């Protein structure tokens, strides 16, 4: 019997925080399928995932986090899908609230909660972007999606190295699939020196700008 929720964790060399992320899933007290997509790690990532009983799928050579998400989708057997970054944490009890909200809304394709930034304990300097209040933003750990939605939208665009969730959301909009926001802080987003957004800021902003242009163009076309 398939488990109802597949949680997909794309990771490369994530032994520093992966155990904490997996612990936050285990504290949900729910029977879920956890798929760790190892994107060419050279550290102890795979062993940590196996020690926690995860399904592990490996890319022998790194293909990037977006390709890793798509790999996870291909192996997911649940009716619902959540993505979680290896350095973030799901708040206790949040997964049940997200599942109940989605199951109570048959016409909704996904439910979206908020995240709260926190500074990783080993970071001494606070010269990093840290939002003081919870916020929405389709972040991993904060959105639960019907897997069937990907039958309509297709997988994530692998030519976008970041901002793929925004592009996917635009596909949802174009196809009339609804994402409903709920009043819940479901995840804590770790801010540290090696966040993808911190170390790849120029690429991130370039990709977000391109995705935003396409989103605005598609909305303009739909309004004519």
C-alpha atoms as a PDB file:
ATOM      1  CA  UNK A   1       0.000   0.000   0.000  1.00  0.00           C
ATOM      2  CA  UNK A   2       1.412   3.370  -1.022  1.00  0.00           C
ATOM      3  CA  UNK A   3       1.961   6.016   1.627  1.00  0.00           C
ATOM      4  CA  UNK A   4      -0.187   9.134   1.048  1.00  0.00           C
ATOM      5  CA  UNK A   5       2.635  11.718   1.112  1.00  0.00           C
ATOM      6  CA  UNK A   6       5.986  11.691  -0.661  1.00  0.00           C
ATOM      7  CA  UNK A   7       8.533  14.153   0.740  1.00  0.00           C
ATOM      8  CA  UNK A   8      11.335  14.816  -1.737  1.00  0.00           C
ATOM      9  CA  UNK A   9      14.687  16.161  -0.545  1.00  0.00           C
ATOM     10  CA  UNK A  10      17.175  17.140  -3.288  1.00  0.00           C
ATOM     11  CA  UNK A  11      20.643  17.392  -1.778  1.00  0.00           C
ATOM     12  CA  UNK A  12      24.322  17.589  -2.613  1.00  0.00           C
ATOM     13  CA  UNK A  13      26.857  17.258   0.207  1.00  0.00           C
ATOM     14  CA  UNK A  14      24.238  17.919   2.859  1.00  0.00           C
ATOM     15  CA  UNK A  15      25.631  15.943   5.770  1.00  0.00           C
ATOM     16  CA  UNK A  16      25.820  19.139   7.838  1.00  0.00           C
ATOM     17  CA  UNK A  17      22.040  19.595   8.162  1.00  0.00           C
ATOM     18  CA  UNK A  18      20.274  16.611   6.563  1.00  0.00           C
ATOM     19  CA  UNK A  19      19.869  14.696   9.819  1.00  0.00           C
ATOM     20  CA  UNK A  20      18.031  17.633  11.397  1.00  0.00           C
ATOM     21  CA  UNK A  21      15.681  17.941   8.416  1.00  0.00           C
ATOM     22  CA  UNK A  22      14.895  14.223   8.537  1.00  0.00           C
ATOM     23  CA  UNK A  23      14.346  14.443  12.290  1.00  0.00           C
ATOM     24  CA  UNK A  24      11.759  17.175  11.734  1.00  0.00           C
ATOM     25  CA  UNK A  25       9.905  14.852   9.356  1.00  0.00           C
ATOM     26  CA  UNK A  26      10.004  11.972  11.828  1.00  0.00           C
ATOM     27  CA  UNK A  27       8.538  14.200  14.547  1.00  0.00           C
ATOM     28  CA  UNK A  28       5.416  14.673  12.402  1.00  0.00           C
ATOM     29  CA  UNK A  29       4.393  11.186  13.539  1.00  0.00           C
ATOM     30  CA  UNK A  30       2.992  10.361  10.080  1.00  0.00           C
ATOM     31  CA  UNK A  31       3.599   7.452   7.754  1.00  0.00           C
ATOM     32  CA  UNK A  32       5.290   9.170   4.820  1.00  0.00           C
ATOM     33  CA  UNK A  33       7.620   8.240   1.984  1.00  0.00           C
ATOM     34  CA  UNK A  34      10.871  10.222   2.172  1.00  0.00           C
ATOM     35  CA  UNK A  35      12.889  10.310  -1.048  1.00  0.00           C
ATOM     36  CA  UNK A  36      16.396  11.717  -0.778  1.00  0.00           C
ATOM     37  CA  UNK A  37      17.781  12.535  -4.207  1.00  0.00           C
ATOM     38  CA  UNK A  38      21.554  12.554  -3.842  1.00  0.00           C
ATOM     39  CA  UNK A  39      22.923  14.875  -6.507  1.00  0.00           C
ATOM     40  CA  UNK A  40      26.504  13.636  -6.704  1.00  0.00           C
ATOM     41  CA  UNK A  41      27.454  13.972  -3.020  1.00  0.00           C
ATOM     42  CA  UNK A  42      30.974  13.134  -1.882  1.00  0.00           C
ATOM     43  CA  UNK A  43      30.297  13.312   1.876  1.00  0.00           C
ATOM     44  CA  UNK A  44      28.142  11.228   4.219  1.00  0.00           C
ATOM     45  CA  UNK A  45      24.790  12.346   2.790  1.00  0.00           C
ATOM     46  CA  UNK A  46      23.759   8.932   1.451  1.00  0.00           C
ATOM     47  CA  UNK A  47      24.590   7.097   4.667  1.00  0.00           C
ATOM     48  CA  UNK A  48      22.613   9.584   6.763  1.00  0.00           C
ATOM     49  CA  UNK A  49      19.594   9.120   4.487  1.00  0.00           C
ATOM     50  CA  UNK A  50      19.861   5.335   4.695  1.00  0.00           C
ATOM     51  CA  UNK A  51      20.244   5.444   8.471  1.00  0.00           C
ATOM     52  CA  UNK A  52      16.892   7.270   8.620  1.00  0.00           C
ATOM     53  CA  UNK A  53      15.205   4.693   6.403  1.00  0.00           C
ATOM     54  CA  UNK A  54      14.782   6.953   3.385  1.00  0.00           C
ATOM     55  CA  UNK A  55      14.445   5.871  -0.209  1.00  0.00           C
ATOM     56  CA  UNK A  56      17.702   7.061  -1.804  1.00  0.00           C
ATOM     57  CA  UNK A  57      18.078   7.846  -5.504  1.00  0.00           C
ATOM     58  CA  UNK A  58      21.506   9.003  -6.687  1.00  0.00           C
ATOM     59  CA  UNK A  59      22.786  11.062  -9.580  1.00  0.00           C
ATOM     60  CA  UNK A  60      26.370   9.810 -10.087  1.00  0.00           C
ATOM     61  CA  UNK A  61      27.223  13.250 -11.498  1.00  0.00           C
ATOM     62  CA  UNK A  62      25.592  16.417 -10.183  1.00  0.00           C
ATOM     63  CA  UNK A  63      22.721  17.644 -12.367  1.00  0.00           C
ATOM     64  CA  UNK A  64      21.455  20.473 -10.140  1.00  0.00           C
ATOM     65  CA  UNK A  65      18.649  20.858  -7.622  1.00  0.00           C
ATOM     66  CA  UNK A  66      15.868  21.267 -10.212  1.00  0.00           C
ATOM     67  CA  UNK A  67      16.761  18.036 -12.009  1.00  0.00           C
ATOM     68  CA  UNK A  68      16.935  16.369  -8.582  1.00  0.00           C
ATOM     69  CA  UNK A  69      13.377  17.485  -7.841  1.00  0.00           C
ATOM     70  CA  UNK A  70      12.187  15.992 -11.129  1.00  0.00           C
ATOM     71  CA  UNK A  71      13.985  12.732 -10.339  1.00  0.00           C
ATOM     72  CA  UNK A  72      12.213  12.642  -6.995  1.00  0.00           C
ATOM     73  CA  UNK A  73       8.865  13.147  -8.699  1.00  0.00           C
ATOM     74  CA  UNK A  74       9.484  10.159 -10.950  1.00  0.00           C
ATOM     75  CA  UNK A  75      10.058   7.938  -7.916  1.00  0.00           C
ATOM     76  CA  UNK A  76       7.248   9.366  -5.756  1.00  0.00           C
ATOM     77  CA  UNK A  77       4.332   7.041  -5.130  1.00  0.00           C
ATOM     78  CA  UNK A  78       2.200   9.248  -2.853  1.00  0.00           C
ATOM     79  CA  UNK A  79      -0.958  11.086  -3.838  1.00  0.00           C
ATOM     80  CA  UNK A  80       0.550  14.252  -2.332  1.00  0.00           C
ATOM     81  CA  UNK A  81       4.041  15.692  -2.718  1.00  0.00           C
ATOM     82  CA  UNK A  82       6.122  18.028  -0.595  1.00  0.00           C
ATOM     83  CA  UNK A  83       9.641  19.253  -1.334  1.00  0.00           C
ATOM     84  CA  UNK A  84      12.018  20.014   1.518  1.00  0.00           C
ATOM     85  CA  UNK A  85      15.494  21.528   1.351  1.00  0.00           C
ATOM     86  CA  UNK A  86      18.021  19.513   3.346  1.00  0.00           C
ATOM     87  CA  UNK A  87      18.816  22.506   5.578  1.00  0.00           C
ATOM     88  CA  UNK A  88      15.246  23.471   6.516  1.00  0.00           C
ATOM     89  CA  UNK A  89      12.873  22.126   9.180  1.00  0.00           C
ATOM     90  CA  UNK A  90       9.165  21.277   9.191  1.00  0.00           C
ATOM     91  CA  UNK A  91       7.427  22.475  12.346  1.00  0.00           C
ATOM     92  CA  UNK A  92       5.898  19.753  14.473  1.00  0.00           C
ATOM     93  CA  UNK A  93       2.293  19.003  13.529  1.00  0.00           C
ATOM     94  CA  UNK A  94       2.383  21.086  10.355  1.00  0.00           C
ATOM     95  CA  UNK A  95       2.239  18.220   7.885  1.00  0.00           C
ATOM     96  CA  UNK A  96      -1.062  16.980   9.346  1.00  0.00           C
ATOM     97  CA  UNK A  97      -2.577  20.475   9.089  1.00  0.00           C
ATOM     98  CA  UNK A  98      -1.473  20.790   5.449  1.00  0.00           C
ATOM     99  CA  UNK A  99      -2.848  17.346   4.588  1.00  0.00           C
ATOM    100  CA  UNK A 100      -6.186  17.987   6.281  1.00  0.00           C
ATOM    101  CA  UNK A 101      -6.493  21.332   4.490  1.00  0.00           C
ATOM    102  CA  UNK A 102      -5.808  19.790   1.095  1.00  0.00           C
ATOM    103  CA  UNK A 103      -8.056  16.783   1.613  1.00  0.00           C
ATOM    104  CA  UNK A 104     -10.920  19.058   2.650  1.00  0.00           C
ATOM    105  CA  UNK A 105     -10.654  21.038  -0.615  1.00  0.00           C
ATOM    106  CA  UNK A 106     -11.114  18.673  -3.583  1.00  0.00           C
ATOM    107  CA  UNK A 107     -10.963  21.580  -6.038  1.00  0.00           C
ATOM    108  CA  UNK A 108      -7.593  22.835  -4.763  1.00  0.00           C
ATOM    109  CA  UNK A 109      -4.351  21.558  -6.318  1.00  0.00           C
ATOM    110  CA  UNK A 110      -2.038  22.680  -3.500  1.00  0.00           C
ATOM    111  CA  UNK A 111      -2.074  24.392  -0.127  1.00  0.00           C
ATOM    112  CA  UNK A 112       0.555  26.938   0.814  1.00  0.00           C
ATOM    113  CA  UNK A 113       1.668  27.883   4.312  1.00  0.00           C
ATOM    114  CA  UNK A 114       4.311  30.337   5.540  1.00  0.00           C
ATOM    115  CA  UNK A 115       7.955  29.958   6.520  1.00  0.00           C
ATOM    116  CA  UNK A 116      10.008  31.708   9.186  1.00  0.00           C
ATOM    117  CA  UNK A 117      13.685  32.492   8.726  1.00  0.00           C
ATOM    118  CA  UNK A 118      16.171  31.479  11.396  1.00  0.00           C
ATOM    119  CA  UNK A 119      19.903  32.040  11.635  1.00  0.00           C
ATOM    120  CA  UNK A 120      21.822  28.783  11.792  1.00  0.00           C
ATOM    121  CA  UNK A 121      23.554  28.492  15.198  1.00  0.00           C
ATOM    122  CA  UNK A 122      27.067  28.288  13.748  1.00  0.00           C
ATOM    123  CA  UNK A 123      26.722  31.651  11.939  1.00  0.00           C
ATOM    124  CA  UNK A 124      28.260  34.392  14.072  1.00  0.00           C
ATOM    125  CA  UNK A 125      27.617  37.351  11.779  1.00  0.00           C
ATOM    126  CA  UNK A 126      24.125  38.609  11.093  1.00  0.00           C
ATOM    127  CA  UNK A 127      25.120  40.261   7.813  1.00  0.00           C
ATOM    128  CA  UNK A 128      22.776  37.983   5.905  1.00  0.00           C
ATOM    129  CA  UNK A 129      19.204  38.420   4.716  1.00  0.00           C
ATOM    130  CA  UNK A 130      16.896  37.455   7.578  1.00  0.00           C
ATOM    131  CA  UNK A 131      13.192  38.320   7.479  1.00  0.00           C
ATOM    132  CA  UNK A 132      11.851  38.977  10.989  1.00  0.00           C
ATOM    133  CA  UNK A 133       8.265  37.862  10.326  1.00  0.00           C
ATOM    134  CA  UNK A 134       6.768  34.719   8.735  1.00  0.00           C
ATOM    135  CA  UNK A 135       6.011  35.031   5.037  1.00  0.00           C
ATOM    136  CA  UNK A 136       4.491  33.221   2.065  1.00  0.00           C
ATOM    137  CA  UNK A 137       6.517  32.342  -0.989  1.00  0.00           C
ATOM    138  CA  UNK A 138       5.908  28.761  -2.187  1.00  0.00           C
ATOM    139  CA  UNK A 139       8.947  27.582  -0.249  1.00  0.00           C
ATOM    140  CA  UNK A 140       9.885  23.979   0.344  1.00  0.00           C
ATOM    141  CA  UNK A 141       8.380  22.654   3.541  1.00  0.00           C
ATOM    142  CA  UNK A 142       5.494  25.082   3.164  1.00  0.00           C
ATOM    143  CA  UNK A 143       3.503  23.746   0.230  1.00  0.00           C
ATOM    144  CA  UNK A 144       1.739  20.403  -0.159  1.00  0.00           C
ATOM    145  CA  UNK A 145       0.786  19.525  -3.728  1.00  0.00           C
ATOM    146  CA  UNK A 146      -1.461  16.934  -5.318  1.00  0.00           C
ATOM    147  CA  UNK A 147       0.863  14.789  -7.404  1.00  0.00           C
ATOM    148  CA  UNK A 148      -1.772  14.771 -10.138  1.00  0.00           C
ATOM    149  CA  UNK A 149      -1.101  18.495 -10.660  1.00  0.00           C
ATOM    150  CA  UNK A 150       2.187  17.561 -12.328  1.00  0.00           C
ATOM    151  CA  UNK A 151       0.256  15.489 -14.867  1.00  0.00           C
ATOM    152  CA  UNK A 152      -1.141  18.832 -16.028  1.00  0.00           C
ATOM    153  CA  UNK A 153       1.859  21.135 -15.620  1.00  0.00           C
ATOM    154  CA  UNK A 154       4.631  18.691 -16.426  1.00  0.00           C
ATOM    155  CA  UNK A 155       7.897  18.617 -14.452  1.00  0.00           C
ATOM    156  CA  UNK A 156       9.980  21.613 -13.375  1.00  0.00           C
ATOM    157  CA  UNK A 157      11.917  23.433 -16.092  1.00  0.00           C
ATOM    158  CA  UNK A 158      15.529  22.310 -15.788  1.00  0.00           C
ATOM    159  CA  UNK A 159      16.865  25.275 -17.756  1.00  0.00           C
ATOM    160  CA  UNK A 160      15.959  27.424 -14.736  1.00  0.00           C
ATOM    161  CA  UNK A 161      18.497  26.929 -11.943  1.00  0.00           C
ATOM    162  CA  UNK A 162      16.406  28.779  -9.358  1.00  0.00           C
ATOM    163  CA  UNK A 163      12.930  30.254  -9.478  1.00  0.00           C
ATOM    164  CA  UNK A 164      11.563  26.957 -10.789  1.00  0.00           C
ATOM    165  CA  UNK A 165       8.740  27.036  -8.236  1.00  0.00           C
ATOM    166  CA  UNK A 166       7.618  30.440  -9.524  1.00  0.00           C
ATOM    167  CA  UNK A 167       7.632  29.147 -13.094  1.00  0.00           C
ATOM    168  CA  UNK A 168       5.710  26.046 -12.022  1.00  0.00           C
ATOM    169  CA  UNK A 169       3.178  28.293 -10.273  1.00  0.00           C
ATOM    170  CA  UNK A 170       2.664  30.223 -13.526  1.00  0.00           C
ATOM    171  CA  UNK A 171       1.888  26.899 -15.243  1.00  0.00           C
ATOM    172  CA  UNK A 172      -0.619  26.158 -12.501  1.00  0.00           C
ATOM    173  CA  UNK A 173      -2.290  29.516 -13.109  1.00  0.00           C
ATOM    174  CA  UNK A 174      -2.426  29.031 -16.884  1.00  0.00           C
ATOM    175  CA  UNK A 175      -4.101  25.662 -16.412  1.00  0.00           C
ATOM    176  CA  UNK A 176      -6.635  26.899 -13.873  1.00  0.00           C
ATOM    177  CA  UNK A 177      -5.145  24.947 -10.962  1.00  0.00           C
ATOM    178  CA  UNK A 178      -5.691  26.599  -7.595  1.00  0.00           C
ATOM    179  CA  UNK A 179      -3.111  27.100  -4.838  1.00  0.00           C
ATOM    180  CA  UNK A 180      -4.783  28.065  -1.549  1.00  0.00           C
ATOM    181  CA  UNK A 181      -2.942  29.919   1.207  1.00  0.00           C
ATOM    182  CA  UNK A 182      -3.612  28.831   4.776  1.00  0.00           C
ATOM    183  CA  UNK A 183      -2.839  30.636   8.029  1.00  0.00           C
ATOM    184  CA  UNK A 184       0.008  28.446   9.248  1.00  0.00           C
ATOM    185  CA  UNK A 185       3.763  28.742   9.721  1.00  0.00           C
ATOM    186  CA  UNK A 186       4.806  25.256   8.646  1.00  0.00           C
ATOM    187  CA  UNK A 187       8.576  25.461   8.183  1.00  0.00           C
ATOM    188  CA  UNK A 188      11.697  27.139   9.489  1.00  0.00           C
ATOM    189  CA  UNK A 189      14.057  28.257   6.713  1.00  0.00           C
ATOM    190  CA  UNK A 190      17.690  28.055   7.756  1.00  0.00           C
ATOM    191  CA  UNK A 191      19.883  30.997   6.793  1.00  0.00           C
ATOM    192  CA  UNK A 192      23.572  30.158   6.638  1.00  0.00           C
ATOM    193  CA  UNK A 193      26.685  31.020   4.666  1.00  0.00           C
ATOM    194  CA  UNK A 194      26.221  28.386   1.991  1.00  0.00           C
ATOM    195  CA  UNK A 195      22.530  28.892   1.144  1.00  0.00           C
ATOM    196  CA  UNK A 196      22.081  28.540  -2.611  1.00  0.00           C
ATOM    197  CA  UNK A 197      20.596  32.038  -2.719  1.00  0.00           C
ATOM    198  CA  UNK A 198      23.532  33.489  -0.800  1.00  0.00           C
ATOM    199  CA  UNK A 199      26.240  31.897  -2.921  1.00  0.00           C
ATOM    200  CA  UNK A 200      24.508  32.187  -6.304  1.00  0.00           C
ATOM    201  CA  UNK A 201      22.865  35.591  -5.951  1.00  0.00           C
ATOM    202  CA  UNK A 202      23.605  36.844  -9.485  1.00  0.00           C
ATOM    203  CA  UNK A 203      22.300  33.675 -11.129  1.00  0.00           C
ATOM    204  CA  UNK A 204      19.285  33.629  -8.823  1.00  0.00           C
ATOM    205  CA  UNK A 205      18.260  37.195  -9.653  1.00  0.00           C
ATOM    206  CA  UNK A 206      18.759  36.621 -13.390  1.00  0.00           C
ATOM    207  CA  UNK A 207      16.549  33.535 -13.319  1.00  0.00           C
ATOM    208  CA  UNK A 208      13.864  35.188 -11.202  1.00  0.00           C
ATOM    209  CA  UNK A 209      13.758  38.133 -13.613  1.00  0.00           C
ATOM    210  CA  UNK A 210      13.335  35.813 -16.604  1.00  0.00           C
ATOM    211  CA  UNK A 211      10.614  33.795 -14.880  1.00  0.00           C
ATOM    212  CA  UNK A 212       8.798  36.964 -13.837  1.00  0.00           C
ATOM    213  CA  UNK A 213       8.885  38.307 -17.396  1.00  0.00           C
ATOM    214  CA  UNK A 214       7.377  35.068 -18.694  1.00  0.00           C
ATOM    215  CA  UNK A 215       4.743  35.089 -15.963  1.00  0.00           C
ATOM    216  CA  UNK A 216       3.691  38.653 -16.764  1.00  0.00           C
ATOM    217  CA  UNK A 217       3.678  37.861 -20.487  1.00  0.00           C
ATOM    218  CA  UNK A 218       1.414  34.839 -19.953  1.00  0.00           C
ATOM    219  CA  UNK A 219      -0.973  36.856 -17.763  1.00  0.00           C
ATOM    220  CA  UNK A 220      -1.101  39.604 -20.380  1.00  0.00           C
ATOM    221  CA  UNK A 221      -1.915  37.081 -23.071  1.00  0.00           C
ATOM    222  CA  UNK A 222      -4.664  35.489 -20.992  1.00  0.00           C
ATOM    223  CA  UNK A 223      -6.295  38.872 -20.354  1.00  0.00           C
ATOM    224  CA  UNK A 224      -6.680  39.712 -24.039  1.00  0.00           C
END
